[in-house]
N, C-alpha and C. Protein backbone atom coordinates (compact mmCIF):
# COMPACT_ATOMS: atom_id res chain seq x y z
N MET A 1 0.83 -1.09 -0.03
CA MET A 1 0.26 0.11 0.11
C MET A 1 0.63 1.19 -0.14
N THR A 2 0.47 2.27 -0.90
CA THR A 2 1.10 3.51 -0.86
C THR A 2 0.65 4.38 0.03
N GLU A 3 1.84 4.86 0.51
CA GLU A 3 1.82 5.75 1.91
C GLU A 3 0.85 7.41 1.05
N ARG A 4 0.26 7.91 1.43
CA ARG A 4 -0.15 9.18 0.98
C ARG A 4 0.80 10.38 1.35
N PRO A 5 0.91 11.17 0.64
CA PRO A 5 1.97 12.29 0.71
C PRO A 5 1.67 13.23 1.51
N THR A 6 2.54 13.30 2.43
CA THR A 6 2.44 14.38 3.37
C THR A 6 2.98 15.79 3.41
N ILE A 7 1.52 16.55 3.65
CA ILE A 7 1.83 18.18 3.79
C ILE A 7 2.89 18.53 4.67
N LYS A 8 3.86 19.02 5.05
CA LYS A 8 4.51 19.65 5.41
C LYS A 8 4.23 20.76 6.18
N VAL A 9 3.78 21.53 7.58
CA VAL A 9 3.28 22.34 7.91
C VAL A 9 4.40 22.95 8.84
N LEU A 10 5.00 24.24 8.79
CA LEU A 10 5.39 24.95 10.20
C LEU A 10 4.32 25.84 11.14
N THR A 11 4.25 25.85 11.62
CA THR A 11 3.45 26.38 12.88
C THR A 11 4.39 27.91 13.29
N VAL A 12 3.77 29.15 13.60
CA VAL A 12 4.73 30.22 14.27
C VAL A 12 3.51 30.61 14.92
N ASP A 13 3.49 31.00 15.98
CA ASP A 13 2.73 32.28 16.94
C ASP A 13 3.55 32.11 18.26
N ASP A 14 3.20 33.19 18.50
CA ASP A 14 4.15 33.23 20.19
C ASP A 14 3.39 32.87 21.32
N HIS A 15 2.45 32.04 20.94
CA HIS A 15 1.76 31.96 22.14
C HIS A 15 1.54 30.02 22.58
N PRO A 16 2.36 29.48 23.23
CA PRO A 16 2.80 28.15 22.98
C PRO A 16 0.99 27.38 23.39
N LEU A 17 0.75 27.78 24.12
CA LEU A 17 -1.02 27.34 24.20
C LEU A 17 -1.57 27.02 22.56
N LEU A 18 -1.62 28.18 22.15
CA LEU A 18 -2.29 27.94 20.78
C LEU A 18 -1.61 27.58 19.36
N ARG A 19 -0.14 27.57 19.65
CA ARG A 19 0.99 26.71 18.54
C ARG A 19 0.46 25.20 18.75
N GLY A 20 0.29 24.85 20.05
CA GLY A 20 0.31 23.74 19.94
C GLY A 20 -1.03 23.07 19.87
N GLY A 21 -2.47 23.79 19.65
CA GLY A 21 -3.70 23.64 19.28
C GLY A 21 -3.71 23.25 18.09
N ILE A 22 -2.76 24.09 17.34
CA ILE A 22 -2.87 24.53 15.96
C ILE A 22 -2.08 22.87 15.74
N SER A 23 -1.04 23.10 16.16
CA SER A 23 -0.42 21.58 16.00
C SER A 23 -0.87 20.31 15.80
N GLY A 24 -1.84 20.33 16.70
CA GLY A 24 -2.30 18.76 17.44
C GLY A 24 -3.24 18.71 16.19
N ALA A 25 -4.36 19.57 15.67
CA ALA A 25 -5.08 19.83 15.20
C ALA A 25 -4.62 19.56 13.17
N ILE A 26 -3.50 19.64 13.04
CA ILE A 26 -2.55 19.77 11.96
C ILE A 26 -2.33 18.34 11.90
N ASN A 27 -1.34 17.66 12.82
CA ASN A 27 -1.04 16.40 13.24
C ASN A 27 -2.01 15.40 13.00
N ALA A 28 -3.13 15.45 13.43
CA ALA A 28 -4.37 14.43 13.39
C ALA A 28 -4.95 13.89 12.25
N GLN A 29 -4.65 15.13 11.08
CA GLN A 29 -4.62 14.62 9.70
C GLN A 29 -3.88 13.34 9.24
N PRO A 30 -4.64 12.50 8.28
CA PRO A 30 -3.75 11.83 7.79
C PRO A 30 -2.58 12.43 6.66
N ASP A 31 -3.12 13.35 6.09
CA ASP A 31 -1.98 13.48 4.89
C ASP A 31 -1.38 14.92 5.53
N MET A 32 -1.38 14.98 6.86
CA MET A 32 0.03 16.79 7.24
C MET A 32 0.79 16.25 8.51
N SER A 33 1.81 16.91 8.66
CA SER A 33 2.30 16.63 9.74
C SER A 33 3.02 17.90 9.84
N VAL A 34 3.34 18.29 11.11
CA VAL A 34 4.05 19.74 11.38
C VAL A 34 5.51 19.29 11.91
N VAL A 35 6.37 20.03 10.83
CA VAL A 35 7.77 19.81 10.85
C VAL A 35 8.22 20.58 12.07
N ALA A 36 8.06 21.83 12.12
CA ALA A 36 8.62 22.30 13.26
C ALA A 36 7.52 23.59 13.86
N GLU A 37 7.87 23.68 15.27
CA GLU A 37 7.28 25.31 15.75
C GLU A 37 8.24 26.27 15.66
N ALA A 38 7.70 27.41 15.70
CA ALA A 38 8.57 28.60 16.26
C ALA A 38 7.64 29.38 16.55
N ALA A 39 8.27 30.79 17.38
CA ALA A 39 7.89 31.57 18.72
C ALA A 39 8.04 32.83 18.10
N ASP A 40 8.83 33.02 17.10
CA ASP A 40 8.94 34.53 16.52
C ASP A 40 9.49 34.70 14.99
N GLY A 41 9.31 35.95 14.36
CA GLY A 41 9.80 35.89 13.30
C GLY A 41 11.10 35.19 12.82
N ASP A 42 12.17 35.33 13.76
CA ASP A 42 13.59 34.76 13.48
C ASP A 42 13.22 33.52 13.28
N GLU A 43 12.85 32.89 14.61
CA GLU A 43 12.59 31.40 14.27
C GLU A 43 12.20 30.80 13.37
N ALA A 44 10.96 31.23 12.92
CA ALA A 44 10.27 31.05 11.57
C ALA A 44 11.19 31.01 10.08
N ILE A 45 11.65 32.59 10.40
CA ILE A 45 12.94 32.20 9.04
C ILE A 45 14.09 30.65 9.40
N ALA A 46 14.75 30.60 10.32
CA ALA A 46 15.52 29.44 10.52
C ALA A 46 14.87 28.48 10.42
N SER A 47 13.43 28.64 11.07
CA SER A 47 12.62 27.24 10.59
C SER A 47 12.73 26.59 9.50
N PHE A 48 12.40 27.93 8.41
CA PHE A 48 11.77 27.83 7.51
C PHE A 48 13.09 27.01 6.13
N ARG A 49 14.22 27.88 6.63
CA ARG A 49 15.52 27.01 5.91
C ARG A 49 15.80 25.90 6.50
N LEU A 50 14.92 25.55 7.18
CA LEU A 50 16.12 24.20 7.84
C LEU A 50 14.85 22.78 7.48
N HIS A 51 13.79 23.10 7.95
CA HIS A 51 12.91 22.35 6.99
C HIS A 51 12.08 22.49 5.56
N ARG A 52 11.97 23.48 5.16
CA ARG A 52 11.37 24.17 3.74
C ARG A 52 9.89 23.08 3.88
N PRO A 53 9.42 23.74 4.93
CA PRO A 53 7.85 23.24 4.59
C PRO A 53 7.06 23.52 3.45
N ASP A 54 5.77 23.08 2.68
CA ASP A 54 5.18 23.22 2.16
C ASP A 54 4.38 24.61 1.94
N VAL A 55 3.48 24.73 3.82
CA VAL A 55 2.81 25.17 3.95
C VAL A 55 3.12 26.15 5.35
N THR A 56 3.65 27.59 5.94
CA THR A 56 3.58 28.07 7.12
C THR A 56 2.59 28.73 7.47
N LEU A 57 2.36 28.65 8.28
CA LEU A 57 1.04 29.19 9.41
C LEU A 57 1.27 30.10 10.07
N MET A 58 1.78 31.40 9.99
CA MET A 58 2.11 32.88 9.97
C MET A 58 1.48 33.75 10.75
N ASP A 59 1.92 34.17 12.31
CA ASP A 59 0.89 34.81 12.85
C ASP A 59 1.45 35.98 12.42
N ILE A 60 0.73 37.48 13.11
CA ILE A 60 1.45 38.65 12.26
C ILE A 60 1.99 38.98 13.50
N ARG A 61 1.21 39.48 14.52
CA ARG A 61 1.98 39.98 15.84
C ARG A 61 2.85 39.29 17.03
N MET A 62 4.07 39.40 16.79
CA MET A 62 5.19 38.56 17.49
C MET A 62 6.11 39.59 18.19
N PRO A 63 6.92 39.22 18.72
CA PRO A 63 8.26 40.00 19.62
C PRO A 63 9.41 39.74 18.51
N LYS A 64 10.66 40.58 18.83
CA LYS A 64 11.67 40.60 17.65
C LYS A 64 10.81 41.08 15.76
N THR A 65 11.11 40.09 15.29
CA THR A 65 10.58 39.94 14.41
C THR A 65 9.22 39.95 14.19
N ASN A 66 8.41 40.61 13.33
CA ASN A 66 6.88 40.58 13.56
C ASN A 66 6.46 39.65 12.30
N GLY A 67 5.57 38.99 11.92
CA GLY A 67 5.15 38.01 10.73
C GLY A 67 5.19 38.76 9.11
N ILE A 68 4.86 40.23 9.43
CA ILE A 68 4.92 40.60 8.31
C ILE A 68 6.29 40.40 7.43
N GLU A 69 7.53 40.86 8.46
CA GLU A 69 9.15 41.08 7.67
C GLU A 69 9.02 39.08 7.95
N ALA A 70 8.76 38.61 8.30
CA ALA A 70 9.15 37.57 8.00
C ALA A 70 8.89 37.09 6.90
N ILE A 71 7.93 37.41 6.37
CA ILE A 71 7.25 36.69 5.55
C ILE A 71 7.76 36.90 4.22
N SER A 72 8.15 38.67 4.02
CA SER A 72 9.30 39.00 3.15
C SER A 72 10.36 38.91 3.00
N ALA A 73 10.85 38.01 4.07
CA ALA A 73 12.05 37.61 4.29
C ALA A 73 12.27 36.14 3.73
N ILE A 74 11.24 35.40 4.23
CA ILE A 74 11.37 34.31 3.42
C ILE A 74 11.31 34.19 2.33
N ARG A 75 10.19 34.74 1.77
CA ARG A 75 9.53 34.82 0.15
C ARG A 75 10.70 35.28 -0.85
N LYS A 76 11.65 36.30 -0.16
CA LYS A 76 12.89 37.02 -0.97
C LYS A 76 13.91 35.90 -0.91
N GLU A 77 13.91 34.78 -0.22
CA GLU A 77 14.86 33.43 -0.49
C GLU A 77 14.09 32.64 -0.99
N PHE A 78 12.80 32.06 -0.74
CA PHE A 78 12.34 31.39 -0.85
C PHE A 78 11.19 31.90 -2.11
N PRO A 79 10.52 31.93 -3.26
CA PRO A 79 9.89 32.56 -3.94
C PRO A 79 8.36 31.75 -3.79
N SER A 80 8.71 30.37 -3.89
CA SER A 80 7.71 29.43 -3.84
C SER A 80 7.22 29.27 -2.31
N ALA A 81 7.30 30.02 -1.37
CA ALA A 81 6.69 29.71 -0.45
C ALA A 81 5.34 29.88 -0.13
N ARG A 82 4.93 28.95 0.54
CA ARG A 82 3.57 29.05 0.77
C ARG A 82 3.16 29.64 1.75
N ILE A 83 2.38 30.84 2.60
CA ILE A 83 2.59 31.46 3.68
C ILE A 83 1.35 31.77 3.75
N VAL A 84 0.45 31.16 4.67
CA VAL A 84 -0.17 31.81 5.51
C VAL A 84 -0.63 32.36 6.88
N VAL A 85 -1.31 33.61 6.55
CA VAL A 85 -1.50 34.61 8.04
C VAL A 85 -2.37 34.42 8.81
N LEU A 86 -1.87 34.66 10.34
CA LEU A 86 -2.99 33.74 11.17
C LEU A 86 -2.87 35.35 11.78
N THR A 87 -4.56 35.82 12.26
CA THR A 87 -4.59 36.91 12.89
C THR A 87 -5.72 37.21 13.72
N THR A 88 -6.10 37.96 14.78
CA THR A 88 -7.00 38.31 15.42
C THR A 88 -7.54 39.64 14.66
N TYR A 89 -6.92 40.36 14.14
CA TYR A 89 -7.65 41.06 13.44
C TYR A 89 -7.72 41.31 12.05
N GLY A 90 -8.81 41.82 11.54
CA GLY A 90 -9.18 41.56 10.37
C GLY A 90 -9.65 42.83 9.73
N GLY A 91 -8.38 43.76 10.22
CA GLY A 91 -8.26 45.33 9.21
C GLY A 91 -7.81 44.89 8.05
N ASP A 92 -8.46 45.53 6.94
CA ASP A 92 -8.08 45.41 5.22
C ASP A 92 -6.38 45.92 5.20
N ILE A 93 -6.11 47.25 5.76
CA ILE A 93 -4.31 47.21 6.05
C ILE A 93 -3.26 46.78 5.87
N GLN A 94 -4.22 45.74 7.14
CA GLN A 94 -3.08 44.82 7.63
C GLN A 94 -2.71 43.47 6.65
N ALA A 95 -4.41 42.79 5.95
CA ALA A 95 -4.52 41.92 5.45
C ALA A 95 -3.50 42.33 3.63
N LEU A 96 -3.89 44.21 3.20
CA LEU A 96 -3.16 44.26 2.42
C LEU A 96 -1.47 43.84 2.12
N ARG A 97 -1.36 44.37 2.98
CA ARG A 97 0.37 44.11 4.14
C ARG A 97 0.79 43.05 3.89
N ALA A 98 0.00 42.25 4.36
CA ALA A 98 0.56 40.77 4.33
C ALA A 98 0.19 39.99 2.69
N PHE A 99 -0.32 40.16 2.32
CA PHE A 99 -0.78 39.95 0.70
C PHE A 99 0.88 40.74 0.13
N LYS A 100 0.73 41.55 -0.08
CA LYS A 100 1.88 42.41 -0.49
C LYS A 100 3.00 41.92 0.03
N ALA A 101 3.03 41.75 1.10
CA ALA A 101 4.50 40.40 1.42
C ALA A 101 4.79 38.85 1.00
N GLY A 102 3.88 38.62 0.42
CA GLY A 102 3.71 37.32 -0.06
C GLY A 102 2.73 36.29 0.24
N ALA A 103 2.18 36.56 1.71
CA ALA A 103 1.22 35.26 1.78
C ALA A 103 -0.11 35.15 0.83
N VAL A 104 -0.02 33.92 0.83
CA VAL A 104 -1.09 33.37 -0.54
C VAL A 104 -2.35 33.07 0.43
N GLY A 105 -2.54 33.47 1.93
CA GLY A 105 -4.08 32.90 2.56
C GLY A 105 -4.07 34.10 3.96
N TYR A 106 -5.35 33.98 4.59
CA TYR A 106 -5.22 35.04 5.34
C TYR A 106 -6.29 34.61 6.10
N LEU A 107 -5.95 34.17 7.85
CA LEU A 107 -7.18 32.95 8.29
C LEU A 107 -7.42 34.01 9.93
N LEU A 108 -8.64 34.45 10.23
CA LEU A 108 -8.73 34.90 11.39
C LEU A 108 -8.82 33.82 12.26
N LYS A 109 -8.09 33.71 13.50
CA LYS A 109 -7.45 33.17 14.63
C LYS A 109 -9.53 32.54 14.91
N SER A 110 -10.29 33.75 15.29
CA SER A 110 -11.52 33.30 15.61
C SER A 110 -12.14 31.77 14.51
N MET A 111 -11.63 31.36 12.96
CA MET A 111 -11.89 30.87 12.27
C MET A 111 -11.12 29.38 12.21
N LEU A 112 -9.97 29.80 13.13
CA LEU A 112 -9.08 28.19 12.91
C LEU A 112 -10.15 26.57 13.27
N ARG A 113 -11.19 26.34 13.74
CA ARG A 113 -11.69 25.30 14.29
C ARG A 113 -12.43 25.16 13.24
N THR A 114 -12.84 26.38 12.34
CA THR A 114 -13.98 25.19 11.21
C THR A 114 -12.85 25.48 10.03
N GLU A 115 -11.67 26.49 9.43
CA GLU A 115 -11.69 26.79 8.52
C GLU A 115 -9.99 26.23 8.08
N LEU A 116 -9.49 26.31 9.54
CA LEU A 116 -7.68 25.90 9.34
C LEU A 116 -7.54 24.87 8.12
N ILE A 117 -7.87 23.30 8.55
CA ILE A 117 -7.55 22.23 7.55
C ILE A 117 -7.72 22.57 6.03
N ASP A 118 -8.92 22.89 5.97
CA ASP A 118 -9.04 23.44 4.19
C ASP A 118 -7.98 24.61 4.01
N THR A 119 -7.81 25.23 4.93
CA THR A 119 -7.44 26.20 4.20
C THR A 119 -5.60 26.05 3.95
N VAL A 120 -5.44 25.11 4.97
CA VAL A 120 -3.79 24.40 4.66
C VAL A 120 -3.88 23.72 3.31
N ARG A 121 -4.84 23.05 2.66
CA ARG A 121 -5.00 21.90 2.03
C ARG A 121 -5.44 22.93 0.67
N LEU A 122 -5.88 24.19 0.53
CA LEU A 122 -5.84 24.86 -0.66
C LEU A 122 -4.60 25.84 -1.24
N ALA A 123 -3.87 26.16 0.31
CA ALA A 123 -2.80 26.69 0.07
C ALA A 123 -1.73 25.75 -0.87
N HIS A 124 -1.59 24.61 -0.01
CA HIS A 124 -0.55 23.98 -0.93
C HIS A 124 -1.13 23.46 -2.54
N ALA A 125 -2.40 23.36 -2.86
CA ALA A 125 -2.55 23.04 -3.67
C ALA A 125 -2.63 24.37 -4.79
N GLY A 126 -1.83 25.37 -3.89
CA GLY A 126 -1.23 26.61 -4.90
C GLY A 126 -2.43 28.02 -5.07
N MET A 127 -3.73 27.25 -4.37
CA MET A 127 -4.79 28.52 -4.53
C MET A 127 -4.79 29.51 -3.18
N LYS A 128 -5.57 30.64 -3.43
CA LYS A 128 -5.33 31.83 -1.93
C LYS A 128 -6.64 31.38 -1.24
N ARG A 129 -6.60 31.86 -0.11
CA ARG A 129 -8.11 31.86 0.56
C ARG A 129 -7.83 33.27 1.55
N ILE A 130 -9.01 34.16 1.08
CA ILE A 130 -9.45 34.96 1.74
C ILE A 130 -10.52 35.19 2.34
N PRO A 131 -10.51 35.18 3.62
CA PRO A 131 -12.06 35.07 4.33
C PRO A 131 -13.12 36.15 3.35
N PRO A 132 -14.03 35.91 2.78
CA PRO A 132 -15.36 36.89 2.86
C PRO A 132 -15.54 38.33 3.17
N GLU A 133 -14.96 38.31 4.86
CA GLU A 133 -15.77 39.87 5.38
C GLU A 133 -14.22 40.63 4.91
N ILE A 134 -13.41 39.81 5.13
CA ILE A 134 -11.63 40.62 4.78
C ILE A 134 -11.89 40.99 3.27
N ALA A 135 -11.81 40.28 1.94
CA ALA A 135 -12.07 40.53 1.01
C ALA A 135 -13.69 41.88 0.75
N GLN A 136 -14.16 41.83 1.17
CA GLN A 136 -15.01 42.82 1.09
C GLN A 136 -14.94 44.45 1.99
N GLU A 137 -13.60 44.44 2.98
CA GLU A 137 -13.05 45.44 3.49
C GLU A 137 -12.27 45.79 2.57
N MET A 138 -11.40 45.03 2.00
CA MET A 138 -10.18 45.67 1.25
C MET A 138 -11.37 46.28 -0.23
N ALA A 139 -12.23 45.78 -0.63
CA ALA A 139 -12.74 46.11 -1.79
C ALA A 139 -13.65 47.23 -1.41
N VAL A 140 -14.17 47.50 -0.32
CA VAL A 140 -14.59 49.03 0.08
C VAL A 140 -13.65 50.11 0.40
N HIS A 141 -12.54 49.82 0.72
CA HIS A 141 -11.48 50.96 0.95
C HIS A 141 -10.61 50.86 -0.44
N ALA A 142 -10.30 49.98 -1.29
CA ALA A 142 -9.84 49.94 -2.78
C ALA A 142 -9.82 51.26 -3.40
N GLY A 143 -8.48 51.83 -3.49
CA GLY A 143 -8.59 52.99 -4.38
C GLY A 143 -8.07 54.42 -3.74
N GLU A 144 -8.62 54.19 -2.66
CA GLU A 144 -8.26 55.08 -0.93
C GLU A 144 -7.31 55.85 -1.01
N ASP A 145 -6.63 56.69 -0.46
CA ASP A 145 -5.62 56.90 0.05
C ASP A 145 -5.03 56.42 1.18
N VAL A 146 -3.83 56.08 1.09
CA VAL A 146 -3.54 55.37 2.19
C VAL A 146 -2.48 56.19 3.05
N LEU A 147 -2.83 56.46 4.35
CA LEU A 147 -1.75 57.05 5.26
C LEU A 147 -0.26 57.32 5.01
N THR A 148 0.24 58.50 4.63
CA THR A 148 1.50 58.01 5.18
C THR A 148 2.25 57.91 6.02
N ILE A 149 3.90 57.30 5.73
CA ILE A 149 4.72 56.52 7.28
C ILE A 149 4.59 58.23 8.08
N ARG A 150 4.75 59.82 7.48
CA ARG A 150 4.60 60.33 8.78
C ARG A 150 3.07 60.42 9.38
N GLU A 151 2.38 60.50 8.29
CA GLU A 151 1.04 60.73 9.15
C GLU A 151 0.47 59.28 10.18
N ILE A 152 1.24 58.17 9.97
CA ILE A 152 0.86 57.36 10.75
C ILE A 152 1.76 57.44 12.07
N GLU A 153 3.00 57.98 12.02
CA GLU A 153 3.85 58.58 12.95
C GLU A 153 2.86 59.48 14.36
N VAL A 154 2.09 60.58 13.19
CA VAL A 154 1.59 61.17 13.94
C VAL A 154 0.23 60.55 14.51
N LEU A 155 -0.36 60.06 13.88
CA LEU A 155 -1.60 58.99 14.73
C LEU A 155 -0.92 58.22 15.54
N ARG A 156 -0.26 57.73 15.78
CA ARG A 156 0.64 57.31 16.96
C ARG A 156 0.82 58.10 18.24
N ASP A 157 0.90 58.95 17.79
CA ASP A 157 1.57 59.78 19.27
C ASP A 157 -0.30 60.07 19.83
N VAL A 158 -0.88 60.58 18.73
CA VAL A 158 -2.05 60.96 19.17
C VAL A 158 -2.63 60.00 19.85
N ALA A 159 -2.99 59.09 19.32
CA ALA A 159 -3.45 57.85 20.45
C ALA A 159 -2.80 57.45 21.81
N LYS A 160 -1.59 57.91 22.07
CA LYS A 160 -0.91 57.84 22.99
C LYS A 160 -1.28 59.42 24.06
N GLY A 161 -2.04 60.03 23.41
CA GLY A 161 -2.94 60.96 24.28
C GLY A 161 -1.81 62.51 24.09
N SER A 162 -1.02 62.39 23.44
CA SER A 162 0.18 63.31 23.10
C SER A 162 -0.46 64.51 22.47
N SER A 163 -0.38 66.01 23.02
CA SER A 163 -0.94 67.16 22.72
C SER A 163 -0.03 67.33 21.09
N ASN A 164 -0.77 68.56 20.25
CA ASN A 164 -0.12 68.85 18.69
C ASN A 164 1.62 68.92 19.34
N LYS A 165 1.78 70.24 20.18
CA LYS A 165 2.83 70.65 20.52
C LYS A 165 4.18 69.57 21.46
N VAL A 166 3.50 68.74 22.03
CA VAL A 166 4.44 67.21 22.14
C VAL A 166 4.84 66.80 20.99
N ILE A 167 3.96 66.21 19.83
CA ILE A 167 4.11 65.45 18.69
C ILE A 167 4.84 66.11 17.86
N ALA A 168 5.00 67.83 18.08
CA ALA A 168 5.77 68.60 17.12
C ALA A 168 7.12 68.66 17.61
N MET A 169 7.26 68.46 18.96
CA MET A 169 8.86 68.03 19.42
C MET A 169 9.44 66.67 19.01
N ARG A 170 8.68 66.20 19.28
CA ARG A 170 9.23 64.56 19.33
C ARG A 170 9.38 64.27 17.93
N LEU A 171 9.07 64.60 16.65
CA LEU A 171 9.13 64.41 15.22
C LEU A 171 9.71 66.13 14.76
N ALA A 172 10.11 66.66 15.49
CA ALA A 172 10.64 67.99 14.99
C ALA A 172 9.96 68.70 14.09
N ILE A 173 9.05 68.82 14.12
CA ILE A 173 8.40 69.61 13.19
C ILE A 173 7.80 70.48 13.80
N SER A 174 6.60 71.64 12.94
CA SER A 174 6.25 73.00 13.83
C SER A 174 4.58 72.19 14.06
N GLU A 175 4.20 72.72 15.08
CA GLU A 175 2.70 72.69 15.49
C GLU A 175 1.92 72.62 14.12
N HIS A 176 2.18 73.73 13.06
CA HIS A 176 1.07 73.86 12.18
C HIS A 176 1.56 72.77 11.03
N THR A 177 2.67 72.04 11.19
CA THR A 177 2.51 71.15 10.23
C THR A 177 1.94 69.55 10.66
N VAL A 178 1.87 69.59 12.06
CA VAL A 178 1.32 68.85 12.66
C VAL A 178 -0.34 69.05 12.35
N LYS A 179 -0.88 70.20 12.56
CA LYS A 179 -2.21 70.41 12.51
C LYS A 179 -2.96 70.13 10.55
N GLY A 180 -1.85 70.50 9.93
CA GLY A 180 -1.92 69.76 8.35
C GLY A 180 -2.11 68.01 8.07
N HIS A 181 -1.03 68.16 9.29
CA HIS A 181 -0.75 66.12 8.69
C HIS A 181 -2.34 65.88 9.66
N LEU A 182 -3.08 65.89 10.70
CA LEU A 182 -4.20 65.77 11.62
C LEU A 182 -5.28 66.12 10.34
N LYS A 183 -5.37 67.18 9.65
CA LYS A 183 -6.22 67.26 8.80
C LYS A 183 -6.51 66.33 7.74
N SER A 184 -4.96 66.12 7.24
CA SER A 184 -5.17 64.94 6.25
C SER A 184 -5.78 63.73 6.47
N ILE A 185 -5.26 63.26 7.54
CA ILE A 185 -5.59 62.06 8.35
C ILE A 185 -7.13 62.03 8.71
N LEU A 186 -7.78 62.55 9.23
CA LEU A 186 -9.48 62.83 8.90
C LEU A 186 -9.99 63.23 7.65
N SER A 187 -9.70 63.61 6.56
CA SER A 187 -10.18 63.15 5.61
C SER A 187 -9.79 62.11 5.23
N LYS A 188 -8.52 61.56 5.22
CA LYS A 188 -8.50 60.24 4.37
C LYS A 188 -9.17 59.33 5.34
N LEU A 189 -9.26 59.19 6.29
CA LEU A 189 -10.28 58.23 7.37
C LEU A 189 -11.72 58.64 7.30
N ASP A 190 -12.23 59.46 6.87
CA ASP A 190 -13.15 59.66 7.15
C ASP A 190 -13.99 60.25 8.79
N ALA A 191 -12.67 60.54 9.00
CA ALA A 191 -13.33 60.53 10.83
C ALA A 191 -13.83 62.08 10.98
N SER A 192 -14.26 61.88 12.28
CA SER A 192 -15.11 63.04 12.87
C SER A 192 -14.01 63.91 13.35
N ASP A 193 -13.31 63.50 14.44
CA ASP A 193 -12.24 64.07 15.30
C ASP A 193 -10.92 62.84 15.30
N ARG A 194 -10.02 63.41 16.29
CA ARG A 194 -8.56 62.23 16.23
C ARG A 194 -9.35 61.13 17.21
N THR A 195 -10.21 60.86 17.78
CA THR A 195 -10.30 59.73 18.70
C THR A 195 -10.71 58.98 17.69
N HIS A 196 -11.93 59.65 17.00
CA HIS A 196 -12.66 58.72 15.78
C HIS A 196 -11.46 58.03 14.94
N ALA A 197 -10.36 58.63 14.92
CA ALA A 197 -9.48 58.40 13.51
C ALA A 197 -8.74 57.17 14.22
N VAL A 198 -8.19 57.58 15.58
CA VAL A 198 -7.74 56.17 16.49
C VAL A 198 -8.23 54.77 16.13
N MET A 199 -9.57 55.21 16.45
CA MET A 199 -10.42 53.92 16.43
C MET A 199 -10.56 53.33 14.62
N ILE A 200 -10.75 53.93 13.92
CA ILE A 200 -10.70 53.93 12.50
C ILE A 200 -8.97 53.35 12.14
N ALA A 201 -8.38 54.03 12.71
CA ALA A 201 -6.99 53.32 12.38
C ALA A 201 -6.85 51.70 13.01
N LEU A 202 -6.70 52.06 13.98
CA LEU A 202 -6.94 50.91 14.85
C LEU A 202 -7.48 49.40 13.98
N LYS A 203 -8.99 50.20 13.54
CA LYS A 203 -9.63 48.40 13.30
C LYS A 203 -9.00 48.14 11.99
N ARG A 204 -8.66 49.22 11.30
CA ARG A 204 -8.35 49.07 9.90
C ARG A 204 -6.47 47.96 9.49
N GLY A 205 -6.38 48.49 10.72
CA GLY A 205 -5.18 48.03 11.00
C GLY A 205 -3.16 48.76 10.88
N PHE A 206 -3.71 50.22 10.43
CA PHE A 206 -2.93 51.52 10.25
C PHE A 206 -2.02 51.36 11.44
N LEU A 207 -2.72 51.17 12.82
CA LEU A 207 -1.87 51.01 13.87
C LEU A 207 -2.00 50.05 14.25
N ASP A 208 -0.85 49.76 15.28
CA ASP A 208 -0.46 48.37 15.92
C ASP A 208 -0.16 48.77 17.18
N LEU A 209 -0.88 48.87 18.20
CA LEU A 209 -0.63 49.66 19.49
C LEU A 209 -0.37 48.45 20.44
């Protein structure tokens, strides 16, 4: 009897319990096996080089090198790598960054129980997997102006409760320039005030506090 080919999987997450749960679900499948686990982006890159998995399940928010950076590094070295992002956040900007980095799938952790195994098989088969709600968010905001790096810096300070004067001092720009950035931010995010802008930015993934 010929053995079924096994899909080799690398799981990457900084929470041991979640990582263990994912590995248990993968190893319970007759055609899959976890070849390695990693707790951060640096470990993920090293593990990929060593084990060359067919599919990598990559958390985004991790210490040291985050998931997006790890995806970019792996794909640069191994262009055919099949990497699926795991995240608790459904923001369209975060998803867009993941796909630009080279991810082939995007899976919310709330969907792991029902979608994990199918997503691994789809990724291994060369297909992409985007949850409908994420695809809808990306479509809704397609074509909109994204925040610049400086605008995100300003908004991050706003989220911390900093005044325009403090923001100006920290970024070595004038208060007038800070006000200009805030006006642009409110317009781009269709926000009514500073607090509203921070809430929208967090929801969509512009900010990662």
